[in-house]
Amino acid sequence: METLELDKFGLREEKDHRILFGQIAGEQLYFKTNIDKELQLRAEPFLAALLLPAMQRGAILRMPPELVASATFVDNLEVLQDVFTTWFPTLSRAHIEVTTDARDQRESGCAAFFSGGVDACYTLLKKNVELSHLIYVRGIDMQLDQDQLWQQCLGLNRQVADHFGKRLVAAETNVRFFIRRITAPQIGWSQAVGCGIASVAQAVGFPQNYISSSNTFN
């Protein structure tokens, strides 16, 4: 059985940013936030991003023993694999090897991913009372090299956040392109979007995150 194993991982600070990174199959995955937002050096972001690539191969998905994941999270990945094999019969179950803990301590707050689109605005209005933060991610809704568009949209989304009394977290990741590179051409973003966005949620580390939905389970 093939093994996908994370290596060369870490969390570093630069002048204006914090960056969580790891490498697998020769490709680096990263998550970046501004310096004032903590990132979580744990296994969950990598497990979320790598679940479908591992299922594509029917592989062992192995994390370094230093990186731990919530036992509840790992149990839920088993349920999620039931869902994905129902939706996409060509996928096979992956075997996950990771150190687990109880993880009952996380940063406080409730966040929703917010692109400024119709679905995101609906979630903001529906969950307004619960939400403390909005998360806007470069690399999900626009290309990583679209600097001018990113700054323009970031400014507009910050105005929305300010209007509703929420804090806006600006994040960046290459998870969309990372999944594409290590699975091409079989796994498209339409299949991987949930796991990709969830990997950002796990990296940022709020105890509750809302992702605007699209299709029903059926």
C-alpha atoms as a PDB file:
ATOM      1  CA  MET A   1       0.000   0.000   0.000  1.00  0.00           C
ATOM      2  CA  GLU A   2       1.333   3.428  -0.941  1.00  0.00           C
ATOM      3  CA  THR A   3       2.155   5.847   1.879  1.00  0.00           C
ATOM      4  CA  LEU A   4       1.677   9.613   1.804  1.00  0.00           C
ATOM      5  CA  GLU A   5       3.812  11.014   4.608  1.00  0.00           C
ATOM      6  CA  LEU A   6       4.155  14.643   5.642  1.00  0.00           C
ATOM      7  CA  ASP A   7       7.688  15.937   6.142  1.00  0.00           C
ATOM      8  CA  LYS A   8       9.630  19.208   6.386  1.00  0.00           C
ATOM      9  CA  PHE A   9       6.855  20.900   8.334  1.00  0.00           C
ATOM     10  CA  GLY A  10       6.945  23.899  10.594  1.00  0.00           C
ATOM     11  CA  LEU A  11       5.566  27.246  11.691  1.00  0.00           C
ATOM     12  CA  ARG A  12       7.589  30.389  11.111  1.00  0.00           C
ATOM     13  CA  GLU A  13       7.174  34.113  11.531  1.00  0.00           C
ATOM     14  CA  GLU A  14       8.177  36.678   8.951  1.00  0.00           C
ATOM     15  CA  LYS A  15       8.015  40.459   9.225  1.00  0.00           C
ATOM     16  CA  ASP A  16       4.272  40.702   8.581  1.00  0.00           C
ATOM     17  CA  HIS A  17       3.054  37.112   8.499  1.00  0.00           C
ATOM     18  CA  ARG A  18       2.877  33.746  10.200  1.00  0.00           C
ATOM     19  CA  ILE A  19       3.252  30.724   7.891  1.00  0.00           C
ATOM     20  CA  LEU A  20       2.359  27.090   8.554  1.00  0.00           C
ATOM     21  CA  PHE A  21       3.907  24.735   6.021  1.00  0.00           C
ATOM     22  CA  GLY A  22       4.529  21.095   5.240  1.00  0.00           C
ATOM     23  CA  GLN A  23       5.762  19.038   2.325  1.00  0.00           C
ATOM     24  CA  ILE A  24       4.436  15.831   0.836  1.00  0.00           C
ATOM     25  CA  ALA A  25       5.264  14.023  -2.397  1.00  0.00           C
ATOM     26  CA  GLY A  26       7.760  16.795  -3.174  1.00  0.00           C
ATOM     27  CA  GLU A  27       5.108  19.533  -3.057  1.00  0.00           C
ATOM     28  CA  GLN A  28       4.848  22.185  -0.343  1.00  0.00           C
ATOM     29  CA  LEU A  29       1.528  23.194   1.204  1.00  0.00           C
ATOM     30  CA  TYR A  30       1.286  26.450   3.156  1.00  0.00           C
ATOM     31  CA  PHE A  31      -1.152  28.592   5.111  1.00  0.00           C
ATOM     32  CA  LYS A  32      -0.399  32.260   5.834  1.00  0.00           C
ATOM     33  CA  THR A  33      -2.011  34.910   8.028  1.00  0.00           C
ATOM     34  CA  ASN A  34      -1.064  38.361   9.249  1.00  0.00           C
ATOM     35  CA  ILE A  35       1.310  38.467  12.188  1.00  0.00           C
ATOM     36  CA  ASP A  36      -1.470  39.262  14.680  1.00  0.00           C
ATOM     37  CA  LYS A  37      -3.298  35.961  13.998  1.00  0.00           C
ATOM     38  CA  GLU A  38      -2.003  32.728  15.493  1.00  0.00           C
ATOM     39  CA  LEU A  39      -1.780  29.552  13.419  1.00  0.00           C
ATOM     40  CA  GLN A  40      -2.038  26.025  14.758  1.00  0.00           C
ATOM     41  CA  LEU A  41       0.993  23.716  14.425  1.00  0.00           C
ATOM     42  CA  ARG A  42      -1.068  20.547  14.407  1.00  0.00           C
ATOM     43  CA  ALA A  43      -1.942  17.696  12.074  1.00  0.00           C
ATOM     44  CA  GLU A  44      -5.552  18.657  11.289  1.00  0.00           C
ATOM     45  CA  PRO A  45      -4.870  21.178   8.465  1.00  0.00           C
ATOM     46  CA  PHE A  46      -2.673  18.675   6.647  1.00  0.00           C
ATOM     47  CA  LEU A  47      -5.053  15.768   7.190  1.00  0.00           C
ATOM     48  CA  ALA A  48      -7.932  17.777   5.735  1.00  0.00           C
ATOM     49  CA  ALA A  49      -5.940  18.822   2.676  1.00  0.00           C
ATOM     50  CA  LEU A  50      -4.549  15.341   2.054  1.00  0.00           C
ATOM     51  CA  LEU A  51      -7.641  13.226   2.663  1.00  0.00           C
ATOM     52  CA  LEU A  52      -8.825  13.073  -0.961  1.00  0.00           C
ATOM     53  CA  PRO A  53      -5.341  12.564  -2.444  1.00  0.00           C
ATOM     54  CA  ALA A  54      -4.892   9.637  -0.039  1.00  0.00           C
ATOM     55  CA  MET A  55      -8.325   8.248  -0.914  1.00  0.00           C
ATOM     56  CA  GLN A  56      -7.523   8.571  -4.608  1.00  0.00           C
ATOM     57  CA  ARG A  57      -4.598   6.209  -4.028  1.00  0.00           C
ATOM     58  CA  GLY A  58      -6.186   4.063  -1.309  1.00  0.00           C
ATOM     59  CA  ALA A  59      -3.043   4.985   0.600  1.00  0.00           C
ATOM     60  CA  ILE A  60      -1.762   5.222   4.140  1.00  0.00           C
ATOM     61  CA  LEU A  61      -1.866   8.871   5.248  1.00  0.00           C
ATOM     62  CA  ARG A  62       0.837   9.296   7.876  1.00  0.00           C
ATOM     63  CA  MET A  63       1.598  12.314  10.038  1.00  0.00           C
ATOM     64  CA  PRO A  64       4.860  12.828  11.980  1.00  0.00           C
ATOM     65  CA  PRO A  65       4.464  11.797  15.646  1.00  0.00           C
ATOM     66  CA  GLU A  66       5.163  15.380  16.761  1.00  0.00           C
ATOM     67  CA  LEU A  67       1.988  16.600  15.053  1.00  0.00           C
ATOM     68  CA  VAL A  68      -1.174  15.628  16.886  1.00  0.00           C
ATOM     69  CA  ALA A  69      -4.844  15.771  15.926  1.00  0.00           C
ATOM     70  CA  SER A  70      -8.087  15.747  17.864  1.00  0.00           C
ATOM     71  CA  ALA A  71      -9.424  12.219  18.345  1.00  0.00           C
ATOM     72  CA  THR A  72     -12.901  13.497  17.486  1.00  0.00           C
ATOM     73  CA  PHE A  73     -11.561  15.034  14.270  1.00  0.00           C
ATOM     74  CA  VAL A  74      -9.921  11.758  13.243  1.00  0.00           C
ATOM     75  CA  ASP A  75     -13.116   9.824  14.020  1.00  0.00           C
ATOM     76  CA  ASN A  76     -15.057  12.265  11.868  1.00  0.00           C
ATOM     77  CA  LEU A  77     -12.637  11.690   8.989  1.00  0.00           C
ATOM     78  CA  GLU A  78     -13.753   8.066   9.007  1.00  0.00           C
ATOM     79  CA  VAL A  79     -17.378   9.201   8.642  1.00  0.00           C
ATOM     80  CA  LEU A  80     -16.345  11.658   5.919  1.00  0.00           C
ATOM     81  CA  GLN A  81     -14.689   8.838   4.008  1.00  0.00           C
ATOM     82  CA  ASP A  82     -18.042   7.020   4.033  1.00  0.00           C
ATOM     83  CA  VAL A  83     -19.591  10.117   2.464  1.00  0.00           C
ATOM     84  CA  PHE A  84     -16.900  10.542  -0.194  1.00  0.00           C
ATOM     85  CA  THR A  85     -16.930   6.895  -1.253  1.00  0.00           C
ATOM     86  CA  THR A  86     -20.720   7.212  -1.635  1.00  0.00           C
ATOM     87  CA  TRP A  87     -20.405  10.331  -3.789  1.00  0.00           C
ATOM     88  CA  PHE A  88     -17.342   9.160  -5.754  1.00  0.00           C
ATOM     89  CA  PRO A  89     -17.168   5.336  -6.044  1.00  0.00           C
ATOM     90  CA  THR A  90     -13.715   5.504  -7.687  1.00  0.00           C
ATOM     91  CA  LEU A  91     -12.228   6.620  -4.351  1.00  0.00           C
ATOM     92  CA  SER A  92     -10.960   4.091  -1.805  1.00  0.00           C
ATOM     93  CA  ARG A  93     -10.653   4.411   1.942  1.00  0.00           C
ATOM     94  CA  ALA A  94      -7.346   5.743   3.261  1.00  0.00           C
ATOM     95  CA  HIS A  95      -5.702   4.464   6.430  1.00  0.00           C
ATOM     96  CA  ILE A  96      -4.820   7.390   8.717  1.00  0.00           C
ATOM     97  CA  GLU A  97      -1.846   7.198  11.064  1.00  0.00           C
ATOM     98  CA  VAL A  98      -1.644  10.131  13.492  1.00  0.00           C
ATOM     99  CA  THR A  99      -1.127  10.787  17.192  1.00  0.00           C
ATOM    100  CA  THR A 100      -4.369  11.969  18.814  1.00  0.00           C
ATOM    101  CA  ASP A 101      -5.340  14.035  21.843  1.00  0.00           C
ATOM    102  CA  ALA A 102      -8.525  15.341  23.449  1.00  0.00           C
ATOM    103  CA  ARG A 103      -8.000  18.942  22.304  1.00  0.00           C
ATOM    104  CA  ASP A 104     -10.457  20.899  24.405  1.00  0.00           C
ATOM    105  CA  GLN A 105      -8.474  24.154  24.292  1.00  0.00           C
ATOM    106  CA  ARG A 106      -8.790  26.344  21.198  1.00  0.00           C
ATOM    107  CA  GLU A 107      -8.940  30.026  20.492  1.00  0.00           C
ATOM    108  CA  SER A 108     -12.341  31.458  21.309  1.00  0.00           C
ATOM    109  CA  GLY A 109     -14.662  32.778  18.635  1.00  0.00           C
ATOM    110  CA  CYS A 110     -16.899  31.710  15.793  1.00  0.00           C
ATOM    111  CA  ALA A 111     -15.920  32.386  12.167  1.00  0.00           C
ATOM    112  CA  ALA A 112     -17.406  32.149   8.697  1.00  0.00           C
ATOM    113  CA  PHE A 113     -15.548  32.067   5.409  1.00  0.00           C
ATOM    114  CA  PHE A 114     -16.429  35.228   3.536  1.00  0.00           C
ATOM    115  CA  SER A 115     -15.690  36.019  -0.102  1.00  0.00           C
ATOM    116  CA  GLY A 116     -18.239  38.809  -0.488  1.00  0.00           C
ATOM    117  CA  GLY A 117     -20.456  36.648  -2.710  1.00  0.00           C
ATOM    118  CA  VAL A 118     -24.134  35.774  -2.365  1.00  0.00           C
ATOM    119  CA  ASP A 119     -23.609  32.518  -0.422  1.00  0.00           C
ATOM    120  CA  ALA A 120     -21.171  34.157   2.006  1.00  0.00           C
ATOM    121  CA  CYS A 121     -23.492  37.125   2.573  1.00  0.00           C
ATOM    122  CA  TYR A 122     -26.386  34.772   3.286  1.00  0.00           C
ATOM    123  CA  THR A 123     -24.294  32.972   5.909  1.00  0.00           C
ATOM    124  CA  LEU A 124     -23.240  36.289   7.461  1.00  0.00           C
ATOM    125  CA  LEU A 125     -26.842  37.471   7.731  1.00  0.00           C
ATOM    126  CA  LYS A 126     -28.178  34.147   9.014  1.00  0.00           C
ATOM    127  CA  LYS A 127     -25.418  33.577  11.592  1.00  0.00           C
ATOM    128  CA  ASN A 128     -24.721  37.222  12.418  1.00  0.00           C
ATOM    129  CA  VAL A 129     -25.371  36.889  16.153  1.00  0.00           C
ATOM    130  CA  GLU A 130     -22.985  33.938  16.511  1.00  0.00           C
ATOM    131  CA  LEU A 131     -20.115  35.225  14.395  1.00  0.00           C
ATOM    132  CA  SER A 132     -17.096  37.030  15.789  1.00  0.00           C
ATOM    133  CA  HIS A 133     -14.826  36.756  12.719  1.00  0.00           C
ATOM    134  CA  LEU A 134     -14.945  36.549   8.937  1.00  0.00           C
ATOM    135  CA  ILE A 135     -12.171  34.749   7.055  1.00  0.00           C
ATOM    136  CA  TYR A 136     -11.202  35.891   3.570  1.00  0.00           C
ATOM    137  CA  VAL A 137      -8.762  33.591   1.779  1.00  0.00           C
ATOM    138  CA  ARG A 138      -6.421  34.429  -1.051  1.00  0.00           C
ATOM    139  CA  GLY A 139      -5.857  31.383  -3.227  1.00  0.00           C
ATOM    140  CA  ILE A 140      -9.414  30.073  -2.962  1.00  0.00           C
ATOM    141  CA  ASP A 141     -11.571  32.647  -4.757  1.00  0.00           C
ATOM    142  CA  MET A 142      -8.787  34.271  -6.763  1.00  0.00           C
ATOM    143  CA  GLN A 143      -5.340  33.469  -8.082  1.00  0.00           C
ATOM    144  CA  LEU A 144      -2.362  33.993  -5.809  1.00  0.00           C
ATOM    145  CA  ASP A 145      -0.757  36.468  -8.212  1.00  0.00           C
ATOM    146  CA  GLN A 146      -3.756  38.844  -8.477  1.00  0.00           C
ATOM    147  CA  ASP A 147      -2.328  41.447  -6.117  1.00  0.00           C
ATOM    148  CA  GLN A 148      -4.411  44.434  -7.198  1.00  0.00           C
ATOM    149  CA  LEU A 149      -7.704  42.510  -7.187  1.00  0.00           C
ATOM    150  CA  TRP A 150      -6.860  40.982  -3.807  1.00  0.00           C
ATOM    151  CA  GLN A 151      -6.257  44.389  -2.227  1.00  0.00           C
ATOM    152  CA  GLN A 152      -9.454  45.779  -3.737  1.00  0.00           C
ATOM    153  CA  CYS A 153     -11.614  42.870  -2.532  1.00  0.00           C
ATOM    154  CA  LEU A 154      -9.901  42.804   0.848  1.00  0.00           C
ATOM    155  CA  GLY A 155     -10.775  46.463   1.366  1.00  0.00           C
ATOM    156  CA  LEU A 156     -14.409  45.920   0.416  1.00  0.00           C
ATOM    157  CA  ASN A 157     -14.748  42.842   2.614  1.00  0.00           C
ATOM    158  CA  ARG A 158     -13.180  44.722   5.516  1.00  0.00           C
ATOM    159  CA  GLN A 159     -15.874  47.385   5.106  1.00  0.00           C
ATOM    160  CA  VAL A 160     -18.543  44.664   5.355  1.00  0.00           C
ATOM    161  CA  ALA A 161     -16.867  43.173   8.431  1.00  0.00           C
ATOM    162  CA  ASP A 162     -16.649  46.588  10.092  1.00  0.00           C
ATOM    163  CA  HIS A 163     -20.293  47.310   9.307  1.00  0.00           C
ATOM    164  CA  PHE A 164     -21.403  44.116  11.067  1.00  0.00           C
ATOM    165  CA  GLY A 165     -18.923  44.454  13.931  1.00  0.00           C
ATOM    166  CA  LYS A 166     -16.798  41.441  12.944  1.00  0.00           C
ATOM    167  CA  ARG A 167     -13.033  41.048  12.772  1.00  0.00           C
ATOM    168  CA  LEU A 168     -11.731  40.128   9.323  1.00  0.00           C
ATOM    169  CA  VAL A 169      -8.955  37.539   9.125  1.00  0.00           C
ATOM    170  CA  ALA A 170      -6.985  37.756   5.874  1.00  0.00           C
ATOM    171  CA  ALA A 171      -5.421  34.424   4.986  1.00  0.00           C
ATOM    172  CA  GLU A 172      -3.553  32.927   2.058  1.00  0.00           C
ATOM    173  CA  THR A 173      -3.008  29.313   1.007  1.00  0.00           C
ATOM    174  CA  ASN A 174      -1.967  27.271  -2.006  1.00  0.00           C
ATOM    175  CA  VAL A 175      -4.151  24.313  -0.962  1.00  0.00           C
ATOM    176  CA  ARG A 176      -6.287  24.506  -4.113  1.00  0.00           C
ATOM    177  CA  PHE A 177      -3.258  24.258  -6.380  1.00  0.00           C
ATOM    178  CA  PHE A 178      -1.492  21.795  -4.073  1.00  0.00           C
ATOM    179  CA  ILE A 179      -4.360  19.288  -4.318  1.00  0.00           C
ATOM    180  CA  ARG A 180      -4.508  19.759  -8.069  1.00  0.00           C
ATOM    181  CA  ARG A 181      -0.788  19.098  -8.492  1.00  0.00           C
ATOM    182  CA  ILE A 182      -0.619  15.915  -6.466  1.00  0.00           C
ATOM    183  CA  THR A 183      -3.833  14.399  -7.853  1.00  0.00           C
ATOM    184  CA  ALA A 184      -4.073  15.763 -11.416  1.00  0.00           C
ATOM    185  CA  PRO A 185      -6.191  15.207 -13.315  1.00  0.00           C
ATOM    186  CA  GLN A 186      -8.532  13.035 -11.253  1.00  0.00           C
ATOM    187  CA  ILE A 187      -9.509  15.274  -8.304  1.00  0.00           C
ATOM    188  CA  GLY A 188     -10.997  18.637  -9.279  1.00  0.00           C
ATOM    189  CA  TRP A 189     -11.680  21.568  -6.989  1.00  0.00           C
ATOM    190  CA  SER A 190     -15.421  20.893  -7.169  1.00  0.00           C
ATOM    191  CA  GLN A 191     -14.693  17.650  -5.298  1.00  0.00           C
ATOM    192  CA  ALA A 192     -11.949  18.995  -3.040  1.00  0.00           C
ATOM    193  CA  VAL A 193     -13.400  22.381  -2.060  1.00  0.00           C
ATOM    194  CA  GLY A 194     -14.830  21.221   1.275  1.00  0.00           C
ATOM    195  CA  CYS A 195     -11.604  19.589   2.408  1.00  0.00           C
ATOM    196  CA  GLY A 196      -9.557  22.506   1.089  1.00  0.00           C
ATOM    197  CA  ILE A 197     -11.504  25.153   2.963  1.00  0.00           C
ATOM    198  CA  ALA A 198     -11.652  22.961   6.058  1.00  0.00           C
ATOM    199  CA  SER A 199      -7.847  22.775   6.038  1.00  0.00           C
ATOM    200  CA  VAL A 200      -7.738  26.575   6.318  1.00  0.00           C
ATOM    201  CA  ALA A 201     -10.285  26.486   9.144  1.00  0.00           C
ATOM    202  CA  GLN A 202      -8.139  24.005  11.044  1.00  0.00           C
ATOM    203  CA  ALA A 203      -5.002  26.080  10.499  1.00  0.00           C
ATOM    204  CA  VAL A 204      -6.632  29.295  11.717  1.00  0.00           C
ATOM    205  CA  GLY A 205      -8.027  27.434  14.696  1.00  0.00           C
ATOM    206  CA  PHE A 206     -11.428  28.809  15.683  1.00  0.00           C
ATOM    207  CA  PRO A 207     -13.561  26.255  17.571  1.00  0.00           C
ATOM    208  CA  GLN A 208     -16.487  26.779  15.184  1.00  0.00           C
ATOM    209  CA  ASN A 209     -16.411  27.690  11.497  1.00  0.00           C
ATOM    210  CA  TYR A 210     -19.180  28.080   8.945  1.00  0.00           C
ATOM    211  CA  ILE A 211     -18.660  27.197   5.291  1.00  0.00           C
ATOM    212  CA  SER A 212     -21.449  28.264   2.943  1.00  0.00           C
ATOM    213  CA  SER A 213     -22.983  25.203   1.344  1.00  0.00           C
ATOM    214  CA  SER A 214     -23.877  24.409  -2.253  1.00  0.00           C
ATOM    215  CA  ASN A 215     -25.410  20.998  -2.998  1.00  0.00           C
ATOM    216  CA  THR A 216     -27.435  18.856  -0.614  1.00  0.00           C
ATOM    217  CA  PHE A 217     -26.039  15.498   0.504  1.00  0.00           C
ATOM    218  CA  ASN A 218     -28.161  13.719  -2.099  1.00  0.00           C
END
